[in-house]
C-alpha cells in the first residue's frame, strides 16, 4: 500500500466510526425518549464524544438522522444497480416497490424510529418530499405507471403516500408478509397487472392469513 494513503485511510475510518457512534446514539435515544426530547448533549454523552466533534459531522440532530436515511438509501440503490447491472427490468414499477420494501426491512430499526410516534414529523416530511421528487424523475425518465392518466406529480404523491403508510403498518406485521408480497400487492393494486412470475408466486396471501 502507498504509505501516503495510510494516514488518509486511518482518518476516513475514524470519521466513519465517529459518524456511526453518533448515529447509534441517536437511534437509541429517540427510542427511549422521543425525538423532541433528545438534545445534542444527550447524543454526545451517549456516544462518549465532545460537542465539537458532533458539529464537525452534522449541523443538528435532524441532519444526523437524515444522514442515516441517506446512507441507507445509497446502500439500497447500489444493491439494485449491482443486481440488474444497470439494465432496467421488465415491469420496473414492481421492482421499485420491491427495493423500497427491502430497504425498509433491512433498516427497520431506523424506520421504526422515524415513522413511529416518537419520531420527527419534520423529518418524515423531508423523506416524503425526497421520495416524491425521485418518483417524479423516474416516471418521466422511464415512462412508469402509464396506466395512470395523471400528472407525474400527482402519481408520485399517490405512490409515496401508499408506500410510507404500508411500510409503517408492515413494520408491525413483518411476520405476516415478506417484501416480495408487499411489492406484489401494491403493484397489482396500482398497475392492474400481475407481478413477475417468481414474485407472483411469492405474493401468495397464505402467509398473511
N, C-alpha and C. Protein backbone atom coordinates (compact mmCIF):
# COMPACT_ATOMS: atom_id res chain seq x y z
N UNK A 1 0.84 -1.20 0.00
CA UNK A 1 0.00 0.00 0.00
C UNK A 1 0.87 1.25 0.00
N UNK A 2 0.46 2.25 -0.72
CA UNK A 2 1.16 3.52 -0.74
C UNK A 2 1.12 4.13 0.67
N UNK A 3 2.31 4.41 1.23
CA UNK A 3 2.37 4.93 2.61
C UNK A 3 1.68 6.27 2.74
N UNK A 4 1.64 7.03 1.64
CA UNK A 4 0.97 8.33 1.69
C UNK A 4 -0.52 8.18 1.91
N UNK A 5 -1.07 7.01 1.52
CA UNK A 5 -2.51 6.79 1.66
C UNK A 5 -2.91 6.33 3.05
N UNK A 6 -1.96 5.79 3.83
CA UNK A 6 -2.29 5.22 5.12
C UNK A 6 -2.90 6.24 6.08
N UNK A 7 -2.31 7.45 6.26
CA UNK A 7 -2.94 8.43 7.14
C UNK A 7 -4.34 8.83 6.68
N UNK A 8 -4.52 8.96 5.37
CA UNK A 8 -5.84 9.33 4.85
C UNK A 8 -6.85 8.22 5.12
N UNK A 9 -6.43 6.96 4.96
CA UNK A 9 -7.32 5.84 5.23
C UNK A 9 -7.68 5.76 6.71
N UNK A 10 -6.70 5.99 7.57
CA UNK A 10 -6.97 5.98 9.01
C UNK A 10 -7.95 7.08 9.37
N UNK A 11 -7.75 8.25 8.77
CA UNK A 11 -8.65 9.37 9.03
C UNK A 11 -10.07 9.05 8.58
N UNK A 12 -10.19 8.43 7.40
CA UNK A 12 -11.51 8.06 6.89
C UNK A 12 -12.18 7.05 7.80
N UNK A 13 -11.44 6.05 8.28
CA UNK A 13 -12.01 5.04 9.18
C UNK A 13 -12.47 5.68 10.48
N UNK A 14 -11.65 6.58 11.03
CA UNK A 14 -12.04 7.26 12.27
C UNK A 14 -13.29 8.10 12.05
N UNK A 15 -13.35 8.76 10.91
CA UNK A 15 -14.52 9.59 10.60
C UNK A 15 -15.77 8.71 10.51
N UNK A 16 -15.66 7.58 9.83
CA UNK A 16 -16.80 6.67 9.70
C UNK A 16 -17.21 6.11 11.05
N UNK A 17 -16.24 5.78 11.89
CA UNK A 17 -16.53 5.24 13.21
C UNK A 17 -17.23 6.28 14.09
N UNK A 18 -16.79 7.53 13.97
CA UNK A 18 -17.40 8.61 14.75
C UNK A 18 -18.84 8.83 14.31
N UNK A 19 -19.06 8.90 13.01
CA UNK A 19 -20.43 9.06 12.48
C UNK A 19 -21.32 7.91 12.93
N UNK A 20 -20.78 6.69 12.87
CA UNK A 20 -21.57 5.52 13.26
C UNK A 20 -21.92 5.58 14.75
N UNK A 21 -20.99 6.03 15.56
CA UNK A 21 -21.26 6.14 17.01
C UNK A 21 -22.34 7.17 17.29
N UNK A 22 -22.29 8.31 16.61
CA UNK A 22 -23.31 9.34 16.79
C UNK A 22 -24.67 8.85 16.28
N UNK A 23 -24.68 8.15 15.17
CA UNK A 23 -25.93 7.63 14.62
C UNK A 23 -26.55 6.59 15.56
N UNK A 24 -25.74 5.69 16.09
CA UNK A 24 -26.25 4.67 17.01
C UNK A 24 -26.79 5.32 18.28
N UNK A 25 -26.09 6.32 18.77
CA UNK A 25 -26.56 7.03 19.97
C UNK A 25 -27.90 7.70 19.72
N UNK A 26 -28.04 8.31 18.56
CA UNK A 26 -29.29 8.98 18.21
C UNK A 26 -30.45 7.99 18.15
N UNK A 27 -30.24 6.86 17.50
CA UNK A 27 -31.29 5.86 17.39
C UNK A 27 -31.77 5.39 18.75
N UNK A 28 -30.84 5.04 19.59
CA UNK A 28 -31.22 4.51 20.90
C UNK A 28 -31.92 5.57 21.76
N UNK A 29 -31.46 6.81 21.67
CA UNK A 29 -32.06 7.88 22.48
C UNK A 29 -33.48 8.21 22.02
N UNK A 30 -33.70 8.25 20.70
CA UNK A 30 -35.04 8.54 20.21
C UNK A 30 -36.00 7.44 20.64
N UNK A 31 -35.55 6.20 20.60
CA UNK A 31 -36.39 5.10 21.05
C UNK A 31 -36.74 5.22 22.52
N UNK A 32 -35.80 5.73 23.30
CA UNK A 32 -36.02 5.85 24.74
C UNK A 32 -36.85 7.08 25.12
N UNK A 33 -36.52 8.22 24.49
CA UNK A 33 -37.06 9.50 24.96
C UNK A 33 -37.99 10.19 23.98
N UNK A 34 -37.92 9.82 22.71
CA UNK A 34 -38.63 10.56 21.68
C UNK A 34 -37.74 11.62 21.08
N UNK A 35 -37.95 11.91 19.80
CA UNK A 35 -37.07 12.81 19.06
C UNK A 35 -36.97 14.19 19.69
N UNK A 36 -38.10 14.76 20.05
CA UNK A 36 -38.11 16.14 20.56
C UNK A 36 -37.34 16.28 21.87
N UNK A 37 -37.29 15.23 22.66
CA UNK A 37 -36.65 15.32 23.98
C UNK A 37 -35.15 15.11 23.92
N UNK A 38 -34.63 14.67 22.79
CA UNK A 38 -33.20 14.37 22.68
C UNK A 38 -32.43 15.65 22.37
N UNK A 39 -31.35 15.88 23.11
CA UNK A 39 -30.51 17.05 22.87
C UNK A 39 -29.17 16.61 22.27
N UNK A 40 -28.44 17.59 21.74
CA UNK A 40 -27.11 17.30 21.21
C UNK A 40 -26.21 16.77 22.33
N UNK A 41 -26.36 17.34 23.51
CA UNK A 41 -25.56 16.88 24.65
C UNK A 41 -25.87 15.43 24.99
N UNK A 42 -27.15 15.05 24.92
CA UNK A 42 -27.52 13.65 25.16
C UNK A 42 -26.79 12.73 24.17
N UNK A 43 -26.78 13.15 22.92
CA UNK A 43 -26.18 12.32 21.87
C UNK A 43 -24.68 12.16 22.09
N UNK A 44 -24.00 13.26 22.34
CA UNK A 44 -22.54 13.18 22.51
C UNK A 44 -22.18 12.46 23.81
N UNK A 45 -22.99 12.62 24.85
CA UNK A 45 -22.73 11.86 26.08
C UNK A 45 -22.87 10.37 25.84
N UNK A 46 -23.94 9.97 25.13
CA UNK A 46 -24.16 8.56 24.86
C UNK A 46 -23.04 7.99 23.98
N UNK A 47 -22.58 8.78 23.01
CA UNK A 47 -21.51 8.32 22.11
C UNK A 47 -20.12 8.50 22.71
N UNK A 48 -20.05 9.15 23.88
CA UNK A 48 -18.77 9.42 24.55
C UNK A 48 -17.86 10.26 23.65
N UNK A 49 -18.45 11.33 23.11
CA UNK A 49 -17.73 12.25 22.24
C UNK A 49 -18.02 13.68 22.67
N UNK A 50 -17.20 14.62 22.23
CA UNK A 50 -17.40 16.01 22.57
C UNK A 50 -18.41 16.68 21.66
N UNK A 51 -19.03 17.78 22.13
CA UNK A 51 -19.99 18.52 21.31
C UNK A 51 -19.33 19.05 20.03
N UNK A 52 -18.08 19.47 20.17
CA UNK A 52 -17.38 19.98 18.99
C UNK A 52 -17.26 18.92 17.91
N UNK A 53 -17.06 17.68 18.32
CA UNK A 53 -16.97 16.59 17.36
C UNK A 53 -18.29 16.43 16.61
N UNK A 54 -19.40 16.57 17.33
CA UNK A 54 -20.71 16.45 16.69
C UNK A 54 -20.82 17.45 15.54
N UNK A 55 -20.45 18.70 15.80
CA UNK A 55 -20.64 19.75 14.80
C UNK A 55 -19.64 19.67 13.64
N UNK A 56 -18.60 18.88 13.81
CA UNK A 56 -17.72 18.61 12.67
C UNK A 56 -18.47 17.78 11.62
N UNK A 57 -19.37 16.93 12.08
CA UNK A 57 -20.04 15.97 11.20
C UNK A 57 -21.46 16.38 10.82
N UNK A 58 -22.16 17.06 11.71
CA UNK A 58 -23.58 17.35 11.48
C UNK A 58 -23.94 18.75 11.95
N UNK A 59 -24.96 19.33 11.29
CA UNK A 59 -25.42 20.66 11.68
C UNK A 59 -26.30 20.60 12.92
N UNK A 60 -27.17 19.61 12.98
CA UNK A 60 -28.10 19.48 14.09
C UNK A 60 -28.58 18.04 14.14
N UNK A 61 -29.51 17.73 15.05
CA UNK A 61 -29.92 16.33 15.21
C UNK A 61 -30.75 15.85 14.03
N UNK A 62 -31.47 16.74 13.35
CA UNK A 62 -32.20 16.31 12.15
C UNK A 62 -31.23 15.93 11.05
N UNK A 63 -30.16 16.70 10.91
CA UNK A 63 -29.14 16.39 9.93
C UNK A 63 -28.52 15.03 10.22
N UNK A 64 -28.33 14.72 11.50
CA UNK A 64 -27.78 13.43 11.90
C UNK A 64 -28.73 12.30 11.49
N UNK A 65 -30.01 12.45 11.80
CA UNK A 65 -30.97 11.40 11.47
C UNK A 65 -31.13 11.27 9.95
N UNK A 66 -31.13 12.41 9.26
CA UNK A 66 -31.24 12.37 7.80
C UNK A 66 -30.03 11.68 7.18
N UNK A 67 -28.85 11.83 7.76
CA UNK A 67 -27.66 11.17 7.23
C UNK A 67 -27.83 9.66 7.24
N UNK A 68 -28.55 9.15 8.22
CA UNK A 68 -28.79 7.72 8.31
C UNK A 68 -29.72 7.26 7.18
N UNK A 69 -30.71 8.08 6.89
CA UNK A 69 -31.61 7.77 5.77
C UNK A 69 -30.84 7.79 4.46
N UNK A 70 -30.02 8.82 4.26
CA UNK A 70 -29.22 8.92 3.03
C UNK A 70 -28.30 7.72 2.86
N UNK A 71 -27.63 7.33 3.94
CA UNK A 71 -26.72 6.18 3.87
C UNK A 71 -27.49 4.92 3.50
N UNK A 72 -28.68 4.75 4.09
CA UNK A 72 -29.48 3.56 3.82
C UNK A 72 -29.98 3.55 2.38
N UNK A 73 -30.43 4.70 1.88
CA UNK A 73 -30.92 4.79 0.50
C UNK A 73 -29.79 4.52 -0.47
N UNK A 74 -28.62 5.09 -0.22
CA UNK A 74 -27.47 4.88 -1.11
C UNK A 74 -27.09 3.40 -1.17
N UNK A 75 -27.12 2.74 -0.02
CA UNK A 75 -26.80 1.32 0.02
C UNK A 75 -27.80 0.50 -0.80
N UNK A 76 -29.09 0.83 -0.66
CA UNK A 76 -30.13 0.12 -1.41
C UNK A 76 -29.98 0.34 -2.90
N UNK A 77 -29.72 1.57 -3.31
CA UNK A 77 -29.55 1.87 -4.74
C UNK A 77 -28.37 1.11 -5.32
N UNK A 78 -27.28 1.02 -4.57
CA UNK A 78 -26.11 0.30 -5.05
C UNK A 78 -26.41 -1.19 -5.22
N UNK A 79 -27.19 -1.74 -4.28
CA UNK A 79 -27.57 -3.15 -4.38
C UNK A 79 -28.44 -3.40 -5.61
N UNK A 80 -29.37 -2.48 -5.88
CA UNK A 80 -30.26 -2.63 -7.03
C UNK A 80 -29.47 -2.56 -8.33
N UNK A 81 -28.56 -1.61 -8.43
CA UNK A 81 -27.74 -1.48 -9.65
C UNK A 81 -26.88 -2.71 -9.86
N UNK A 82 -26.34 -3.25 -8.76
CA UNK A 82 -25.50 -4.44 -8.87
C UNK A 82 -26.30 -5.64 -9.34
N UNK A 83 -27.54 -5.77 -8.85
CA UNK A 83 -28.36 -6.93 -9.20
C UNK A 83 -28.75 -6.92 -10.67
N UNK A 84 -29.09 -5.74 -11.21
CA UNK A 84 -29.55 -5.67 -12.58
C UNK A 84 -28.50 -5.15 -13.55
N UNK A 85 -27.32 -4.86 -13.04
CA UNK A 85 -26.23 -4.42 -13.92
C UNK A 85 -26.56 -3.16 -14.68
N UNK A 86 -27.38 -2.28 -14.11
CA UNK A 86 -27.73 -1.03 -14.77
C UNK A 86 -28.79 -1.16 -15.83
N UNK A 87 -29.32 -2.38 -16.05
CA UNK A 87 -30.36 -2.60 -17.06
C UNK A 87 -31.73 -2.49 -16.42
N UNK A 88 -32.64 -1.74 -17.03
CA UNK A 88 -33.99 -1.61 -16.49
C UNK A 88 -34.78 -2.88 -16.78
N UNK A 89 -35.29 -3.57 -15.75
CA UNK A 89 -36.02 -4.83 -15.99
C UNK A 89 -37.43 -4.57 -16.50
N UNK A 90 -38.06 -5.63 -17.02
CA UNK A 90 -39.48 -5.54 -17.34
C UNK A 90 -40.26 -5.31 -16.05
N UNK A 91 -41.41 -4.65 -16.18
CA UNK A 91 -42.24 -4.32 -15.02
C UNK A 91 -41.44 -3.59 -13.93
N UNK A 92 -40.79 -2.51 -14.31
CA UNK A 92 -39.89 -1.83 -13.37
C UNK A 92 -40.61 -1.28 -12.14
N UNK A 93 -41.90 -0.98 -12.26
CA UNK A 93 -42.64 -0.47 -11.10
C UNK A 93 -42.62 -1.47 -9.95
N UNK A 94 -42.79 -2.75 -10.31
CA UNK A 94 -42.76 -3.79 -9.26
C UNK A 94 -41.41 -3.78 -8.55
N UNK A 95 -40.33 -3.72 -9.30
CA UNK A 95 -39.01 -3.79 -8.69
C UNK A 95 -38.70 -2.54 -7.87
N UNK A 96 -39.26 -1.42 -8.28
CA UNK A 96 -39.10 -0.21 -7.47
C UNK A 96 -39.76 -0.40 -6.10
N UNK A 97 -40.96 -0.98 -6.10
CA UNK A 97 -41.65 -1.27 -4.83
C UNK A 97 -40.85 -2.29 -4.01
N UNK A 98 -40.36 -3.31 -4.70
CA UNK A 98 -39.63 -4.38 -4.00
C UNK A 98 -38.42 -3.81 -3.27
N UNK A 99 -37.65 -2.96 -3.95
CA UNK A 99 -36.46 -2.42 -3.31
C UNK A 99 -36.81 -1.45 -2.19
N UNK A 100 -37.93 -0.76 -2.31
CA UNK A 100 -38.35 0.11 -1.22
C UNK A 100 -38.70 -0.70 0.02
N UNK A 101 -39.43 -1.79 -0.16
CA UNK A 101 -39.80 -2.61 1.00
C UNK A 101 -38.60 -3.36 1.57
N UNK A 102 -37.71 -3.82 0.70
CA UNK A 102 -36.48 -4.43 1.21
C UNK A 102 -35.66 -3.42 1.99
N UNK A 103 -35.63 -2.21 1.49
CA UNK A 103 -34.91 -1.12 2.15
C UNK A 103 -35.46 -0.90 3.56
N UNK A 104 -36.77 -0.84 3.68
CA UNK A 104 -37.40 -0.64 5.00
C UNK A 104 -37.08 -1.82 5.92
N UNK A 105 -37.15 -3.04 5.38
CA UNK A 105 -36.89 -4.22 6.20
C UNK A 105 -35.45 -4.27 6.68
N UNK A 106 -34.50 -3.97 5.79
CA UNK A 106 -33.10 -4.02 6.15
C UNK A 106 -32.72 -2.94 7.16
N UNK A 107 -33.48 -1.85 7.17
CA UNK A 107 -33.18 -0.74 8.09
C UNK A 107 -34.37 -0.48 9.00
N UNK A 108 -34.96 -1.57 9.47
CA UNK A 108 -36.22 -1.45 10.20
C UNK A 108 -36.08 -0.68 11.51
N UNK A 109 -34.94 -0.79 12.19
CA UNK A 109 -34.78 -0.03 13.43
C UNK A 109 -34.85 1.47 13.15
N UNK A 110 -34.20 1.89 12.07
CA UNK A 110 -34.22 3.30 11.69
C UNK A 110 -35.64 3.75 11.38
N UNK A 111 -36.38 2.96 10.60
CA UNK A 111 -37.72 3.39 10.20
C UNK A 111 -38.75 3.24 11.30
N UNK A 112 -38.50 2.35 12.25
CA UNK A 112 -39.38 2.32 13.42
C UNK A 112 -39.26 3.64 14.20
N UNK A 113 -38.05 4.15 14.25
CA UNK A 113 -37.82 5.43 14.92
C UNK A 113 -38.45 6.57 14.13
N UNK A 114 -38.20 6.61 12.83
CA UNK A 114 -38.65 7.73 12.01
C UNK A 114 -40.17 7.77 11.88
N UNK A 115 -40.76 6.60 11.60
CA UNK A 115 -42.20 6.55 11.33
C UNK A 115 -43.05 6.34 12.58
N UNK A 116 -42.40 6.04 13.68
CA UNK A 116 -43.14 5.79 14.92
C UNK A 116 -43.60 7.07 15.60
N UNK A 117 -44.30 6.91 16.69
CA UNK A 117 -44.86 8.04 17.42
C UNK A 117 -43.78 8.93 18.05
N UNK A 118 -42.58 8.39 18.25
CA UNK A 118 -41.51 9.15 18.88
C UNK A 118 -40.59 9.83 17.87
N UNK A 119 -40.93 9.74 16.60
CA UNK A 119 -40.07 10.29 15.56
C UNK A 119 -40.29 11.77 15.33
N UNK A 120 -39.75 12.25 14.22
CA UNK A 120 -39.82 13.67 13.85
C UNK A 120 -40.75 13.86 12.66
N UNK A 121 -41.84 14.58 12.86
CA UNK A 121 -42.76 14.85 11.76
C UNK A 121 -42.06 15.63 10.64
N UNK A 122 -41.16 16.51 11.02
CA UNK A 122 -40.43 17.31 10.04
C UNK A 122 -39.54 16.42 9.18
N UNK A 123 -38.91 15.43 9.80
CA UNK A 123 -38.05 14.53 9.03
C UNK A 123 -38.88 13.62 8.12
N UNK A 124 -40.03 13.16 8.60
CA UNK A 124 -40.92 12.35 7.76
C UNK A 124 -41.31 13.12 6.51
N UNK A 125 -41.62 14.40 6.68
CA UNK A 125 -41.99 15.23 5.53
C UNK A 125 -40.80 15.42 4.59
N UNK A 126 -39.62 15.53 5.16
CA UNK A 126 -38.41 15.67 4.33
C UNK A 126 -38.20 14.39 3.50
N UNK A 127 -38.39 13.25 4.12
CA UNK A 127 -38.25 11.98 3.40
C UNK A 127 -39.32 11.87 2.32
N UNK A 128 -40.56 12.23 2.67
CA UNK A 128 -41.65 12.18 1.70
C UNK A 128 -41.33 13.04 0.48
N UNK A 129 -40.88 14.25 0.71
CA UNK A 129 -40.57 15.16 -0.40
C UNK A 129 -39.43 14.61 -1.26
N UNK A 130 -38.44 14.03 -0.63
CA UNK A 130 -37.31 13.44 -1.36
C UNK A 130 -37.80 12.30 -2.25
N UNK A 131 -38.62 11.41 -1.68
CA UNK A 131 -39.11 10.26 -2.45
C UNK A 131 -40.05 10.69 -3.57
N UNK A 132 -40.87 11.71 -3.31
CA UNK A 132 -41.78 12.20 -4.35
C UNK A 132 -40.99 12.74 -5.54
N UNK A 133 -39.98 13.55 -5.27
CA UNK A 133 -39.19 14.10 -6.37
C UNK A 133 -38.46 13.00 -7.12
N UNK A 134 -37.96 12.01 -6.38
CA UNK A 134 -37.29 10.87 -7.00
C UNK A 134 -38.25 10.11 -7.90
N UNK A 135 -39.49 9.93 -7.43
CA UNK A 135 -40.51 9.24 -8.23
C UNK A 135 -40.88 10.04 -9.48
N UNK A 136 -41.03 11.34 -9.34
CA UNK A 136 -41.35 12.19 -10.49
C UNK A 136 -40.27 12.03 -11.57
N UNK A 137 -39.01 12.07 -11.15
CA UNK A 137 -37.91 11.92 -12.11
C UNK A 137 -37.96 10.56 -12.81
N UNK A 138 -38.23 9.50 -12.04
CA UNK A 138 -38.27 8.15 -12.63
C UNK A 138 -39.47 8.00 -13.57
N UNK A 139 -40.61 8.55 -13.18
CA UNK A 139 -41.81 8.46 -14.02
C UNK A 139 -41.54 9.11 -15.38
N UNK A 140 -40.92 10.27 -15.37
CA UNK A 140 -40.64 10.98 -16.62
C UNK A 140 -39.55 10.29 -17.44
N UNK A 141 -38.54 9.78 -16.77
CA UNK A 141 -37.42 9.19 -17.48
C UNK A 141 -37.75 7.84 -18.07
N UNK A 142 -38.55 7.03 -17.34
CA UNK A 142 -38.79 5.65 -17.75
C UNK A 142 -40.25 5.38 -18.13
N UNK A 143 -41.06 6.44 -18.18
CA UNK A 143 -42.47 6.30 -18.56
C UNK A 143 -43.19 5.26 -17.68
N UNK A 144 -43.03 5.39 -16.39
CA UNK A 144 -43.65 4.47 -15.45
C UNK A 144 -45.13 4.80 -15.25
N UNK A 145 -45.89 3.82 -14.77
CA UNK A 145 -47.30 3.98 -14.42
C UNK A 145 -48.10 4.56 -15.58
N UNK A 146 -47.85 4.02 -16.77
CA UNK A 146 -48.54 4.53 -17.96
C UNK A 146 -50.05 4.27 -17.91
N UNK A 147 -50.47 3.36 -17.02
CA UNK A 147 -51.90 3.09 -16.88
C UNK A 147 -52.60 4.14 -16.03
N UNK A 148 -51.85 5.02 -15.41
CA UNK A 148 -52.44 6.06 -14.56
C UNK A 148 -52.38 7.39 -15.31
N UNK A 149 -53.51 7.86 -15.86
CA UNK A 149 -53.52 9.06 -16.72
C UNK A 149 -53.54 10.36 -15.93
N UNK A 150 -52.53 10.54 -15.08
CA UNK A 150 -52.48 11.73 -14.24
C UNK A 150 -51.08 12.34 -14.31
N UNK A 151 -50.93 13.60 -13.96
CA UNK A 151 -49.60 14.23 -13.98
C UNK A 151 -48.63 13.49 -13.06
N UNK A 152 -47.36 13.44 -13.42
CA UNK A 152 -46.36 12.72 -12.60
C UNK A 152 -46.35 13.17 -11.14
N UNK A 153 -46.57 14.47 -10.90
CA UNK A 153 -46.53 14.96 -9.53
C UNK A 153 -47.63 14.33 -8.68
N UNK A 154 -48.81 14.12 -9.28
CA UNK A 154 -49.92 13.51 -8.54
C UNK A 154 -49.68 12.02 -8.35
N UNK A 155 -49.22 11.35 -9.42
CA UNK A 155 -48.93 9.91 -9.32
C UNK A 155 -47.86 9.67 -8.26
N UNK A 156 -46.82 10.50 -8.24
CA UNK A 156 -45.73 10.34 -7.28
C UNK A 156 -46.24 10.50 -5.85
N UNK A 157 -47.13 11.46 -5.63
CA UNK A 157 -47.71 11.64 -4.29
C UNK A 157 -48.50 10.40 -3.88
N UNK A 158 -49.26 9.83 -4.80
CA UNK A 158 -50.04 8.63 -4.52
C UNK A 158 -49.12 7.46 -4.17
N UNK A 159 -48.08 7.27 -4.97
CA UNK A 159 -47.17 6.15 -4.77
C UNK A 159 -46.46 6.26 -3.43
N UNK A 160 -45.88 7.41 -3.17
CA UNK A 160 -45.09 7.60 -1.95
C UNK A 160 -45.99 7.51 -0.72
N UNK A 161 -47.18 8.10 -0.79
CA UNK A 161 -48.10 8.01 0.33
C UNK A 161 -48.46 6.57 0.64
N UNK A 162 -48.75 5.79 -0.41
CA UNK A 162 -49.10 4.38 -0.22
C UNK A 162 -47.93 3.59 0.38
N UNK A 163 -46.74 3.81 -0.16
CA UNK A 163 -45.57 3.07 0.32
C UNK A 163 -45.28 3.40 1.78
N UNK A 164 -45.30 4.68 2.14
CA UNK A 164 -44.98 5.06 3.51
C UNK A 164 -46.01 4.55 4.50
N UNK A 165 -47.30 4.63 4.13
CA UNK A 165 -48.34 4.13 5.03
C UNK A 165 -48.25 2.62 5.18
N UNK A 166 -48.01 1.92 4.06
CA UNK A 166 -47.87 0.47 4.12
C UNK A 166 -46.63 0.07 4.91
N UNK A 167 -45.54 0.80 4.72
CA UNK A 167 -44.30 0.49 5.43
C UNK A 167 -44.50 0.62 6.93
N UNK A 168 -45.17 1.66 7.35
CA UNK A 168 -45.42 1.85 8.78
C UNK A 168 -46.24 0.70 9.34
N UNK A 169 -47.26 0.28 8.61
CA UNK A 169 -48.08 -0.85 9.05
C UNK A 169 -47.28 -2.14 9.05
N UNK A 170 -46.50 -2.34 7.98
CA UNK A 170 -45.75 -3.58 7.79
C UNK A 170 -44.72 -3.81 8.89
N UNK A 171 -44.13 -2.74 9.39
CA UNK A 171 -43.12 -2.88 10.45
C UNK A 171 -43.70 -3.57 11.69
N UNK A 172 -45.00 -3.51 11.86
CA UNK A 172 -45.65 -4.21 12.97
C UNK A 172 -46.18 -5.58 12.57
N UNK A 173 -45.98 -5.97 11.30
CA UNK A 173 -46.52 -7.24 10.80
C UNK A 173 -45.50 -7.96 9.91
N UNK A 174 -44.22 -7.85 10.25
CA UNK A 174 -43.19 -8.46 9.43
C UNK A 174 -43.29 -9.98 9.40
N UNK A 175 -43.96 -10.54 10.39
CA UNK A 175 -44.11 -11.99 10.43
C UNK A 175 -45.21 -12.49 9.49
N UNK A 176 -45.98 -11.57 8.93
CA UNK A 176 -47.10 -11.96 8.07
C UNK A 176 -46.76 -11.90 6.58
N UNK A 177 -45.99 -10.89 6.17
CA UNK A 177 -45.71 -10.69 4.75
C UNK A 177 -44.24 -10.40 4.55
N UNK A 178 -43.69 -10.95 3.47
CA UNK A 178 -42.31 -10.63 3.09
C UNK A 178 -42.34 -9.47 2.10
N UNK A 179 -41.15 -8.94 1.80
CA UNK A 179 -41.06 -7.77 0.92
C UNK A 179 -41.65 -8.04 -0.45
N UNK A 180 -41.40 -9.24 -1.00
CA UNK A 180 -41.94 -9.59 -2.31
C UNK A 180 -43.46 -9.56 -2.32
N UNK A 181 -44.06 -9.99 -1.23
CA UNK A 181 -45.52 -9.98 -1.15
C UNK A 181 -46.06 -8.55 -1.10
N UNK A 182 -45.42 -7.72 -0.28
CA UNK A 182 -45.88 -6.34 -0.17
C UNK A 182 -45.76 -5.63 -1.52
N UNK A 183 -44.63 -5.85 -2.19
CA UNK A 183 -44.43 -5.22 -3.50
C UNK A 183 -45.45 -5.74 -4.51
N UNK A 184 -45.72 -7.04 -4.48
CA UNK A 184 -46.67 -7.63 -5.42
C UNK A 184 -48.08 -7.11 -5.21
N UNK A 185 -48.49 -6.99 -3.95
CA UNK A 185 -49.83 -6.49 -3.64
C UNK A 185 -49.99 -5.05 -4.13
N UNK A 186 -48.99 -4.22 -3.84
CA UNK A 186 -49.08 -2.81 -4.25
C UNK A 186 -49.03 -2.68 -5.76
N UNK A 187 -48.20 -3.50 -6.40
CA UNK A 187 -48.08 -3.46 -7.87
C UNK A 187 -49.41 -3.85 -8.52
N UNK A 188 -50.03 -4.91 -8.06
CA UNK A 188 -51.31 -5.33 -8.63
C UNK A 188 -52.38 -4.25 -8.42
N UNK A 189 -52.37 -3.63 -7.24
CA UNK A 189 -53.39 -2.63 -6.92
C UNK A 189 -53.26 -1.40 -7.80
N UNK A 190 -52.04 -0.92 -8.00
CA UNK A 190 -51.83 0.33 -8.73
C UNK A 190 -51.70 0.14 -10.24
N UNK A 191 -51.09 -0.95 -10.64
CA UNK A 191 -50.80 -1.14 -12.07
C UNK A 191 -51.76 -2.11 -12.75
N UNK A 192 -52.60 -2.78 -11.95
CA UNK A 192 -53.61 -3.71 -12.50
C UNK A 192 -52.97 -4.78 -13.38
N UNK A 193 -51.81 -5.26 -12.95
CA UNK A 193 -51.12 -6.35 -13.63
C UNK A 193 -50.56 -7.30 -12.58
N UNK A 194 -50.38 -8.56 -12.99
CA UNK A 194 -49.71 -9.49 -12.11
C UNK A 194 -48.22 -9.14 -12.06
N UNK A 195 -47.60 -9.30 -10.91
CA UNK A 195 -46.15 -9.08 -10.84
C UNK A 195 -45.41 -10.17 -11.60
N UNK A 196 -44.09 -10.04 -11.77
CA UNK A 196 -43.32 -11.08 -12.44
C UNK A 196 -43.60 -12.46 -11.83
N UNK A 197 -43.42 -13.51 -12.62
CA UNK A 197 -43.86 -14.85 -12.22
C UNK A 197 -43.32 -15.25 -10.85
N UNK A 198 -42.01 -15.11 -10.66
CA UNK A 198 -41.43 -15.53 -9.38
C UNK A 198 -41.99 -14.69 -8.24
N UNK A 199 -42.20 -13.39 -8.52
CA UNK A 199 -42.75 -12.51 -7.49
C UNK A 199 -44.20 -12.86 -7.22
N UNK A 200 -44.93 -13.23 -8.29
CA UNK A 200 -46.34 -13.57 -8.12
C UNK A 200 -46.48 -14.80 -7.22
N UNK A 201 -45.57 -15.78 -7.39
CA UNK A 201 -45.61 -16.96 -6.53
C UNK A 201 -45.36 -16.59 -5.09
N UNK A 202 -44.42 -15.62 -4.91
CA UNK A 202 -44.13 -15.16 -3.55
C UNK A 202 -45.25 -14.35 -2.97
N UNK A 203 -46.13 -13.82 -3.83
CA UNK A 203 -47.18 -12.95 -3.35
C UNK A 203 -48.43 -13.69 -2.91
N UNK A 204 -48.36 -15.01 -2.87
CA UNK A 204 -49.49 -15.78 -2.36
C UNK A 204 -49.89 -15.28 -0.99
N UNK A 205 -51.18 -15.06 -0.74
CA UNK A 205 -51.61 -14.47 0.51
C UNK A 205 -51.60 -15.42 1.69
N UNK A 206 -51.14 -16.66 1.51
CA UNK A 206 -51.28 -17.64 2.58
C UNK A 206 -50.55 -17.23 3.86
N UNK A 207 -49.39 -16.55 3.73
CA UNK A 207 -48.66 -16.14 4.93
C UNK A 207 -49.43 -15.11 5.71
N UNK A 208 -50.24 -14.34 5.02
CA UNK A 208 -50.95 -13.27 5.71
C UNK A 208 -52.29 -13.68 6.25
N UNK A 209 -52.67 -14.92 6.05
CA UNK A 209 -53.98 -15.37 6.52
C UNK A 209 -53.87 -15.98 7.90
